[in-house]
Structures are given as structure tokens and as C-alpha cells.
Amino acid sequence: MMRSWLFALLFIPFIAHAAIEATQFDDPDKEARYKQLIAELRCLVCQNQNLADSNAELAQDMRHKTYELVKGGATNDDVVNYMVKRYGDFVLYRPPFKLSTLLLWLGPFVILAGGVVILIVIIRRRAKQPNAGMSDSDLKRAKVLLGEEDNN
């Protein structure tokens, strides 16, 4: 029994394997900028994770390139421009407002406006036809139930 537990304990390091990257900066400002950049850039493999949270190989490469650029003295805009030029606007969580992203920015509002227009049209049609879908016998029965007509 004890041997099986010891044998199982040998495999824990393989199960709990996680990539740890060591980045060292000589300037705390550069380190803060690096952390901010990898938190704002999207992993292209995971899509809903930023570079800081992703363990995908591409995210590791992008973090390494961000580290090199920041350590080399590039500004935040330089790093973002490099990533956008290389990977496209999808790498940004907040893509810029331009012609290629117009649907992304205005799409939800267009869908909402379309839904409101459809709702208004349906409400107006129903207001014009108050007894739509009810037969005369159903109307008479409803009036009896509501007490609006005598039970003859």
C-alpha cells in the first residue's frame, strides 16, 4: 500500500507541470509596463485569455517578444504597433474604430435598433387587431367569465 502511494507521488511533478518564465528588469517602470502590456494583449490561441494568463506556445513567444521590446526601450505604442502589424487587430482587446472594425463596434447597436423596430411593429399590429386569433364563441365565453355578459 505504501509503495503505491510513493509511486503515485513520483508522478505529481509531471501532472502539475506549469511553465514559469523568469523575466528580470533593471527598471521597475519597465517591469510595470511589461506586465500592463501582457495583460492588455490577447492570446491568439486561447482567444479569451490575455498573454499573462495563457500557457500556449504562441503566447509564450509573444510574451518573450514583448519582454525584448520593453527591455530594449520600446514604448508601449511601439510594442502594440508591432503586435498589431504582425498579428492583426485581433490581438487587441479594444480594437481601434476604423472601417475594418466598424461592424464590431456598431453591430450590437444595429441589432438592438432592429429589435426595437420589430417590437414596435408587432405591438402596433396587435393594437389594431384586439381580438386577433379568437373566435366569436371564445369572445362570448371570455365575456361570460369576466361577468360582462349575462348567462342567458
N, C-alpha and C. Protein backbone atom coordinates (compact mmCIF):
# COMPACT_ATOMS: atom_id res chain seq x y z
N MET A 1 0.83 -1.20 0.00
CA MET A 1 0.00 0.00 0.00
C MET A 1 0.87 1.26 0.00
N MET A 2 1.87 1.27 0.86
CA MET A 2 2.74 2.44 0.98
C MET A 2 3.53 2.66 -0.31
N ARG A 3 3.93 1.56 -0.94
CA ARG A 3 4.69 1.68 -2.19
C ARG A 3 3.86 2.31 -3.30
N SER A 4 2.58 2.00 -3.34
CA SER A 4 1.75 2.58 -4.40
C SER A 4 1.60 4.09 -4.21
N TRP A 5 1.53 4.55 -2.96
CA TRP A 5 1.46 5.99 -2.71
C TRP A 5 2.77 6.68 -3.09
N LEU A 6 3.86 6.06 -2.77
CA LEU A 6 5.16 6.63 -3.14
C LEU A 6 5.32 6.67 -4.65
N PHE A 7 4.87 5.63 -5.30
CA PHE A 7 4.92 5.57 -6.76
C PHE A 7 4.06 6.69 -7.37
N ALA A 8 2.88 6.92 -6.79
CA ALA A 8 1.98 7.99 -7.28
C ALA A 8 2.60 9.35 -7.04
N LEU A 9 3.29 9.52 -5.93
CA LEU A 9 3.92 10.82 -5.63
C LEU A 9 5.02 11.16 -6.63
N LEU A 10 5.61 10.16 -7.22
CA LEU A 10 6.65 10.42 -8.22
C LEU A 10 6.11 11.10 -9.47
N PHE A 11 4.81 10.90 -9.77
CA PHE A 11 4.22 11.45 -10.99
C PHE A 11 3.58 12.82 -10.79
N ILE A 12 3.49 13.30 -9.57
CA ILE A 12 2.89 14.61 -9.32
C ILE A 12 3.62 15.73 -10.06
N PRO A 13 4.95 15.75 -10.09
CA PRO A 13 5.61 16.83 -10.85
C PRO A 13 5.24 16.84 -12.33
N PHE A 14 4.98 15.68 -12.91
CA PHE A 14 4.60 15.63 -14.32
C PHE A 14 3.17 16.11 -14.53
N ILE A 15 2.31 15.83 -13.58
CA ILE A 15 0.91 16.25 -13.67
C ILE A 15 0.79 17.75 -13.45
N ALA A 16 1.52 18.26 -12.50
CA ALA A 16 1.41 19.66 -12.12
C ALA A 16 2.41 20.55 -12.85
N HIS A 17 2.87 20.11 -13.99
CA HIS A 17 3.85 20.88 -14.77
C HIS A 17 3.23 22.19 -15.26
N ALA A 18 3.88 23.29 -14.97
CA ALA A 18 3.44 24.59 -15.44
C ALA A 18 4.66 25.38 -15.84
N ALA A 19 4.52 26.15 -16.90
CA ALA A 19 5.64 26.94 -17.39
C ALA A 19 5.82 28.18 -16.53
N ILE A 20 7.03 28.37 -16.06
CA ILE A 20 7.35 29.56 -15.29
C ILE A 20 8.41 30.32 -16.07
N GLU A 21 8.11 31.56 -16.35
CA GLU A 21 9.05 32.37 -17.09
C GLU A 21 9.72 33.35 -16.14
N ALA A 22 11.00 33.45 -16.27
CA ALA A 22 11.74 34.38 -15.43
C ALA A 22 12.09 35.61 -16.26
N THR A 23 11.51 36.70 -15.92
CA THR A 23 11.83 37.97 -16.58
C THR A 23 12.40 38.90 -15.54
N GLN A 24 13.54 39.44 -15.85
CA GLN A 24 14.18 40.35 -14.91
C GLN A 24 14.40 41.69 -15.59
N PHE A 25 13.99 42.72 -14.88
CA PHE A 25 14.15 44.08 -15.38
C PHE A 25 15.04 44.84 -14.41
N ASP A 26 15.84 45.73 -14.97
CA ASP A 26 16.66 46.59 -14.13
C ASP A 26 15.89 47.84 -13.69
N ASP A 27 14.77 48.08 -14.34
CA ASP A 27 13.96 49.26 -14.05
C ASP A 27 12.53 48.82 -13.68
N PRO A 28 12.04 49.20 -12.49
CA PRO A 28 10.68 48.79 -12.11
C PRO A 28 9.60 49.38 -13.03
N ASP A 29 9.88 50.52 -13.66
CA ASP A 29 8.93 51.11 -14.59
C ASP A 29 8.76 50.22 -15.83
N LYS A 30 9.85 49.68 -16.33
CA LYS A 30 9.78 48.78 -17.48
C LYS A 30 9.03 47.50 -17.11
N GLU A 31 9.26 47.01 -15.91
CA GLU A 31 8.57 45.80 -15.47
C GLU A 31 7.06 46.05 -15.37
N ALA A 32 6.67 47.20 -14.85
CA ALA A 32 5.25 47.55 -14.75
C ALA A 32 4.63 47.68 -16.15
N ARG A 33 5.37 48.30 -17.08
CA ARG A 33 4.87 48.43 -18.45
C ARG A 33 4.73 47.06 -19.11
N TYR A 34 5.68 46.18 -18.88
CA TYR A 34 5.63 44.83 -19.43
C TYR A 34 4.39 44.10 -18.92
N LYS A 35 4.17 44.15 -17.62
CA LYS A 35 3.01 43.47 -17.03
C LYS A 35 1.70 44.06 -17.55
N GLN A 36 1.67 45.37 -17.73
CA GLN A 36 0.47 46.01 -18.27
C GLN A 36 0.23 45.58 -19.72
N LEU A 37 1.28 45.50 -20.51
CA LEU A 37 1.14 45.12 -21.92
C LEU A 37 0.68 43.67 -22.07
N ILE A 38 1.26 42.75 -21.29
CA ILE A 38 0.85 41.35 -21.45
C ILE A 38 -0.56 41.12 -20.88
N ALA A 39 -1.02 42.04 -20.04
CA ALA A 39 -2.40 41.93 -19.55
C ALA A 39 -3.39 42.50 -20.57
N GLU A 40 -2.94 43.40 -21.44
CA GLU A 40 -3.83 44.04 -22.41
C GLU A 40 -3.83 43.35 -23.77
N LEU A 41 -2.85 42.53 -24.05
CA LEU A 41 -2.78 41.85 -25.35
C LEU A 41 -3.42 40.47 -25.24
N ARG A 42 -4.15 40.09 -26.28
CA ARG A 42 -4.92 38.83 -26.30
C ARG A 42 -4.06 37.69 -26.85
N CYS A 43 -4.23 36.52 -26.26
CA CYS A 43 -3.62 35.31 -26.80
C CYS A 43 -4.43 34.89 -28.02
N LEU A 44 -3.77 34.68 -29.13
CA LEU A 44 -4.46 34.33 -30.36
C LEU A 44 -4.91 32.88 -30.39
N VAL A 45 -4.32 32.05 -29.55
CA VAL A 45 -4.71 30.64 -29.49
C VAL A 45 -5.91 30.48 -28.56
N CYS A 46 -5.82 31.06 -27.37
CA CYS A 46 -6.88 30.91 -26.36
C CYS A 46 -8.06 31.84 -26.63
N GLN A 47 -7.83 32.98 -27.19
CA GLN A 47 -8.80 33.99 -27.61
C GLN A 47 -9.50 34.70 -26.45
N ASN A 48 -9.76 34.04 -25.35
CA ASN A 48 -10.41 34.73 -24.24
C ASN A 48 -9.47 34.91 -23.06
N GLN A 49 -8.20 34.75 -23.29
CA GLN A 49 -7.20 34.97 -22.25
C GLN A 49 -6.18 35.98 -22.76
N ASN A 50 -5.64 36.72 -21.82
CA ASN A 50 -4.57 37.62 -22.20
C ASN A 50 -3.24 36.86 -22.21
N LEU A 51 -2.20 37.52 -22.63
CA LEU A 51 -0.89 36.86 -22.72
C LEU A 51 -0.38 36.43 -21.35
N ALA A 52 -0.71 37.19 -20.32
CA ALA A 52 -0.23 36.88 -18.98
C ALA A 52 -0.83 35.58 -18.47
N ASP A 53 -2.07 35.27 -18.82
CA ASP A 53 -2.76 34.10 -18.29
C ASP A 53 -2.61 32.85 -19.15
N SER A 54 -2.13 32.99 -20.37
CA SER A 54 -2.10 31.87 -21.30
C SER A 54 -0.77 31.12 -21.22
N ASN A 55 -0.84 29.80 -21.34
CA ASN A 55 0.36 28.97 -21.40
C ASN A 55 0.62 28.42 -22.80
N ALA A 56 -0.11 28.91 -23.79
CA ALA A 56 0.10 28.46 -25.16
C ALA A 56 1.49 28.87 -25.64
N GLU A 57 2.05 28.09 -26.54
CA GLU A 57 3.39 28.40 -27.04
C GLU A 57 3.45 29.76 -27.72
N LEU A 58 2.42 30.07 -28.49
CA LEU A 58 2.39 31.37 -29.16
C LEU A 58 2.37 32.50 -28.14
N ALA A 59 1.61 32.33 -27.07
CA ALA A 59 1.57 33.35 -26.02
C ALA A 59 2.94 33.50 -25.36
N GLN A 60 3.63 32.40 -25.16
CA GLN A 60 4.98 32.47 -24.60
C GLN A 60 5.91 33.24 -25.53
N ASP A 61 5.80 32.96 -26.83
CA ASP A 61 6.63 33.69 -27.80
C ASP A 61 6.28 35.18 -27.81
N MET A 62 4.99 35.48 -27.72
CA MET A 62 4.58 36.89 -27.73
C MET A 62 5.03 37.60 -26.45
N ARG A 63 4.97 36.91 -25.32
CA ARG A 63 5.48 37.49 -24.06
C ARG A 63 6.97 37.75 -24.16
N HIS A 64 7.70 36.78 -24.76
CA HIS A 64 9.15 36.94 -24.89
C HIS A 64 9.49 38.13 -25.79
N LYS A 65 8.75 38.27 -26.90
CA LYS A 65 8.99 39.40 -27.80
C LYS A 65 8.65 40.72 -27.11
N THR A 66 7.55 40.72 -26.34
CA THR A 66 7.18 41.92 -25.58
C THR A 66 8.28 42.27 -24.59
N TYR A 67 8.80 41.25 -23.93
CA TYR A 67 9.89 41.45 -22.97
C TYR A 67 11.11 42.06 -23.67
N GLU A 68 11.47 41.51 -24.82
CA GLU A 68 12.63 42.04 -25.56
C GLU A 68 12.41 43.50 -25.97
N LEU A 69 11.22 43.79 -26.47
CA LEU A 69 10.95 45.15 -26.92
C LEU A 69 10.96 46.14 -25.76
N VAL A 70 10.33 45.79 -24.65
CA VAL A 70 10.29 46.69 -23.50
C VAL A 70 11.68 46.87 -22.92
N LYS A 71 12.40 45.77 -22.79
CA LYS A 71 13.76 45.85 -22.24
C LYS A 71 14.68 46.65 -23.17
N GLY A 72 14.40 46.59 -24.48
CA GLY A 72 15.20 47.33 -25.45
C GLY A 72 14.86 48.81 -25.51
N GLY A 73 13.83 49.24 -24.77
CA GLY A 73 13.50 50.66 -24.71
C GLY A 73 12.31 51.07 -25.57
N ALA A 74 11.59 50.13 -26.13
CA ALA A 74 10.43 50.47 -26.95
C ALA A 74 9.31 51.00 -26.06
N THR A 75 8.54 51.92 -26.60
CA THR A 75 7.40 52.46 -25.86
C THR A 75 6.23 51.48 -25.95
N ASN A 76 5.20 51.72 -25.14
CA ASN A 76 4.01 50.87 -25.20
C ASN A 76 3.39 50.89 -26.59
N ASP A 77 3.33 52.06 -27.20
CA ASP A 77 2.77 52.17 -28.55
C ASP A 77 3.60 51.39 -29.56
N ASP A 78 4.92 51.40 -29.41
CA ASP A 78 5.77 50.63 -30.31
C ASP A 78 5.48 49.13 -30.20
N VAL A 79 5.33 48.64 -28.98
CA VAL A 79 5.06 47.22 -28.76
C VAL A 79 3.70 46.86 -29.34
N VAL A 80 2.67 47.67 -29.06
CA VAL A 80 1.32 47.40 -29.56
C VAL A 80 1.31 47.46 -31.09
N ASN A 81 1.96 48.45 -31.66
CA ASN A 81 2.02 48.56 -33.13
C ASN A 81 2.73 47.35 -33.75
N TYR A 82 3.80 46.87 -33.12
CA TYR A 82 4.50 45.69 -33.61
C TYR A 82 3.56 44.47 -33.60
N MET A 83 2.85 44.28 -32.48
CA MET A 83 1.95 43.13 -32.36
C MET A 83 0.79 43.22 -33.35
N VAL A 84 0.24 44.42 -33.53
CA VAL A 84 -0.87 44.59 -34.47
C VAL A 84 -0.38 44.37 -35.90
N LYS A 85 0.81 44.87 -36.21
CA LYS A 85 1.34 44.69 -37.56
C LYS A 85 1.60 43.22 -37.85
N ARG A 86 2.03 42.51 -36.85
CA ARG A 86 2.35 41.10 -37.04
C ARG A 86 1.13 40.18 -36.97
N TYR A 87 0.20 40.46 -36.01
CA TYR A 87 -0.92 39.54 -35.77
C TYR A 87 -2.30 40.11 -36.10
N GLY A 88 -2.38 41.38 -36.39
CA GLY A 88 -3.67 42.00 -36.72
C GLY A 88 -4.35 42.60 -35.50
N ASP A 89 -5.49 43.24 -35.74
CA ASP A 89 -6.23 43.92 -34.67
C ASP A 89 -6.80 42.96 -33.64
N PHE A 90 -6.90 41.68 -33.98
CA PHE A 90 -7.49 40.71 -33.06
C PHE A 90 -6.66 40.56 -31.78
N VAL A 91 -5.39 40.92 -31.85
CA VAL A 91 -4.53 40.80 -30.68
C VAL A 91 -4.91 41.82 -29.59
N LEU A 92 -5.69 42.82 -29.96
CA LEU A 92 -6.11 43.86 -29.01
C LEU A 92 -7.48 43.52 -28.43
N TYR A 93 -7.64 43.72 -27.13
CA TYR A 93 -8.96 43.56 -26.52
C TYR A 93 -9.87 44.73 -26.89
N ARG A 94 -9.28 45.88 -27.13
CA ARG A 94 -10.04 47.07 -27.54
C ARG A 94 -9.54 47.51 -28.90
N PRO A 95 -10.04 46.90 -29.97
CA PRO A 95 -9.56 47.26 -31.31
C PRO A 95 -9.94 48.70 -31.66
N PRO A 96 -9.16 49.33 -32.52
CA PRO A 96 -9.45 50.72 -32.88
C PRO A 96 -10.71 50.83 -33.74
N PHE A 97 -11.31 52.00 -33.70
CA PHE A 97 -12.51 52.26 -34.50
C PHE A 97 -12.06 52.66 -35.89
N LYS A 98 -12.20 51.74 -36.86
CA LYS A 98 -11.85 52.02 -38.25
C LYS A 98 -12.77 51.21 -39.14
N LEU A 99 -12.64 51.35 -40.43
CA LEU A 99 -13.56 50.72 -41.37
C LEU A 99 -13.62 49.20 -41.21
N SER A 100 -12.48 48.57 -40.99
CA SER A 100 -12.47 47.10 -40.89
C SER A 100 -13.09 46.60 -39.58
N THR A 101 -13.20 47.45 -38.57
CA THR A 101 -13.80 47.05 -37.30
C THR A 101 -15.14 47.74 -37.06
N LEU A 102 -15.68 48.35 -38.10
CA LEU A 102 -16.94 49.09 -37.98
C LEU A 102 -18.09 48.20 -37.51
N LEU A 103 -18.20 47.02 -38.08
CA LEU A 103 -19.27 46.10 -37.69
C LEU A 103 -19.11 45.66 -36.24
N LEU A 104 -17.89 45.47 -35.81
CA LEU A 104 -17.62 45.07 -34.43
C LEU A 104 -18.11 46.13 -33.44
N TRP A 105 -17.88 47.39 -33.76
CA TRP A 105 -18.27 48.47 -32.86
C TRP A 105 -19.75 48.83 -32.98
N LEU A 106 -20.29 48.85 -34.19
CA LEU A 106 -21.67 49.30 -34.39
C LEU A 106 -22.68 48.16 -34.46
N GLY A 107 -22.21 46.93 -34.67
CA GLY A 107 -23.10 45.78 -34.80
C GLY A 107 -24.09 45.61 -33.66
N PRO A 108 -23.66 45.64 -32.41
CA PRO A 108 -24.62 45.49 -31.31
C PRO A 108 -25.71 46.56 -31.31
N PHE A 109 -25.35 47.79 -31.64
CA PHE A 109 -26.34 48.87 -31.67
C PHE A 109 -27.33 48.69 -32.83
N VAL A 110 -26.83 48.21 -33.97
CA VAL A 110 -27.70 47.95 -35.12
C VAL A 110 -28.69 46.83 -34.78
N ILE A 111 -28.20 45.77 -34.14
CA ILE A 111 -29.07 44.67 -33.74
C ILE A 111 -30.10 45.13 -32.72
N LEU A 112 -29.69 45.94 -31.75
CA LEU A 112 -30.63 46.47 -30.76
C LEU A 112 -31.69 47.34 -31.41
N ALA A 113 -31.28 48.23 -32.32
CA ALA A 113 -32.24 49.09 -33.01
C ALA A 113 -33.21 48.26 -33.85
N GLY A 114 -32.71 47.24 -34.52
CA GLY A 114 -33.57 46.36 -35.31
C GLY A 114 -34.58 45.63 -34.43
N GLY A 115 -34.16 45.17 -33.28
CA GLY A 115 -35.06 44.52 -32.35
C GLY A 115 -36.14 45.45 -31.84
N VAL A 116 -35.78 46.70 -31.55
CA VAL A 116 -36.77 47.69 -31.09
C VAL A 116 -37.78 47.98 -32.19
N VAL A 117 -37.31 48.12 -33.42
CA VAL A 117 -38.22 48.39 -34.55
C VAL A 117 -39.19 47.21 -34.73
N ILE A 118 -38.69 46.00 -34.70
CA ILE A 118 -39.55 44.82 -34.83
C ILE A 118 -40.57 44.77 -33.70
N LEU A 119 -40.14 45.06 -32.49
CA LEU A 119 -41.05 45.06 -31.34
C LEU A 119 -42.15 46.11 -31.50
N ILE A 120 -41.79 47.30 -31.95
CA ILE A 120 -42.78 48.36 -32.16
C ILE A 120 -43.79 47.95 -33.24
N VAL A 121 -43.32 47.36 -34.33
CA VAL A 121 -44.21 46.92 -35.40
C VAL A 121 -45.19 45.87 -34.89
N ILE A 122 -44.70 44.91 -34.13
CA ILE A 122 -45.58 43.85 -33.59
C ILE A 122 -46.61 44.44 -32.63
N ILE A 123 -46.20 45.35 -31.78
CA ILE A 123 -47.13 45.96 -30.81
C ILE A 123 -48.20 46.76 -31.54
N ARG A 124 -47.81 47.52 -32.55
CA ARG A 124 -48.80 48.32 -33.30
C ARG A 124 -49.79 47.44 -34.05
N ARG A 125 -49.33 46.34 -34.63
CA ARG A 125 -50.24 45.43 -35.33
C ARG A 125 -51.25 44.81 -34.37
N ARG A 126 -50.80 44.44 -33.20
CA ARG A 126 -51.71 43.84 -32.23
C ARG A 126 -52.70 44.85 -31.68
N ALA A 127 -52.28 46.11 -31.60
CA ALA A 127 -53.20 47.14 -31.11
C ALA A 127 -54.34 47.37 -32.10
N LYS A 128 -54.07 47.21 -33.37
CA LYS A 128 -55.10 47.38 -34.40
C LYS A 128 -56.06 46.20 -34.43
N GLN A 129 -55.64 45.04 -34.00
CA GLN A 129 -56.46 43.83 -34.02
C GLN A 129 -56.59 43.29 -32.59
N PRO A 130 -57.45 43.88 -31.79
CA PRO A 130 -57.53 43.47 -30.38
C PRO A 130 -58.03 42.04 -30.18
N ASN A 131 -58.84 41.53 -31.10
CA ASN A 131 -59.41 40.20 -30.94
C ASN A 131 -58.79 39.19 -31.91
N ALA A 132 -57.60 39.42 -32.31
CA ALA A 132 -56.95 38.54 -33.28
C ALA A 132 -56.76 37.15 -32.70
N GLY A 133 -57.15 36.16 -33.49
CA GLY A 133 -56.95 34.78 -33.09
C GLY A 133 -58.05 34.21 -32.22
N MET A 134 -59.10 34.98 -31.94
CA MET A 134 -60.19 34.48 -31.09
C MET A 134 -61.46 34.37 -31.92
N SER A 135 -62.14 33.27 -31.77
CA SER A 135 -63.41 33.10 -32.47
C SER A 135 -64.52 33.79 -31.68
N ASP A 136 -65.69 33.90 -32.29
CA ASP A 136 -66.83 34.53 -31.62
C ASP A 136 -67.23 33.78 -30.36
N SER A 137 -67.17 32.47 -30.42
CA SER A 137 -67.55 31.67 -29.24
C SER A 137 -66.54 31.88 -28.12
N ASP A 138 -65.25 32.03 -28.46
CA ASP A 138 -64.24 32.30 -27.43
C ASP A 138 -64.47 33.67 -26.80
N LEU A 139 -64.81 34.67 -27.62
CA LEU A 139 -65.09 36.02 -27.10
C LEU A 139 -66.28 36.00 -26.17
N LYS A 140 -67.34 35.29 -26.57
CA LYS A 140 -68.55 35.22 -25.75
C LYS A 140 -68.25 34.53 -24.43
N ARG A 141 -67.47 33.44 -24.47
CA ARG A 141 -67.10 32.72 -23.25
C ARG A 141 -66.26 33.59 -22.33
N ALA A 142 -65.33 34.38 -22.89
CA ALA A 142 -64.49 35.27 -22.10
C ALA A 142 -65.34 36.34 -21.42
N LYS A 143 -66.31 36.89 -22.14
CA LYS A 143 -67.18 37.90 -21.55
C LYS A 143 -68.01 37.32 -20.41
N VAL A 144 -68.45 36.08 -20.57
CA VAL A 144 -69.22 35.42 -19.50
C VAL A 144 -68.33 35.23 -18.28
N LEU A 145 -67.12 34.79 -18.48
CA LEU A 145 -66.20 34.57 -17.38
C LEU A 145 -65.85 35.87 -16.66
N LEU A 146 -65.76 36.95 -17.41
CA LEU A 146 -65.43 38.24 -16.82
C LEU A 146 -66.66 38.93 -16.23
N GLY A 147 -67.81 38.39 -16.45
CA GLY A 147 -69.02 38.98 -15.90
C GLY A 147 -69.55 40.15 -16.69
N GLU A 148 -69.13 40.29 -17.91
CA GLU A 148 -69.55 41.41 -18.73
C GLU A 148 -70.86 41.10 -19.49
N GLU A 149 -71.26 39.85 -19.49
CA GLU A 149 -72.45 39.46 -20.23
C GLU A 149 -73.25 38.52 -19.34
N ASP A 150 -74.54 38.63 -19.40
CA ASP A 150 -75.41 37.79 -18.59
C ASP A 150 -75.42 36.36 -19.11
N ASN A 151 -75.56 35.41 -18.20
CA ASN A 151 -75.67 34.00 -18.59
C ASN A 151 -77.11 33.71 -18.98
N ASN A 152 -77.40 33.76 -20.20
CA ASN A 152 -78.79 33.51 -20.66
C ASN A 152 -79.04 32.08 -20.89
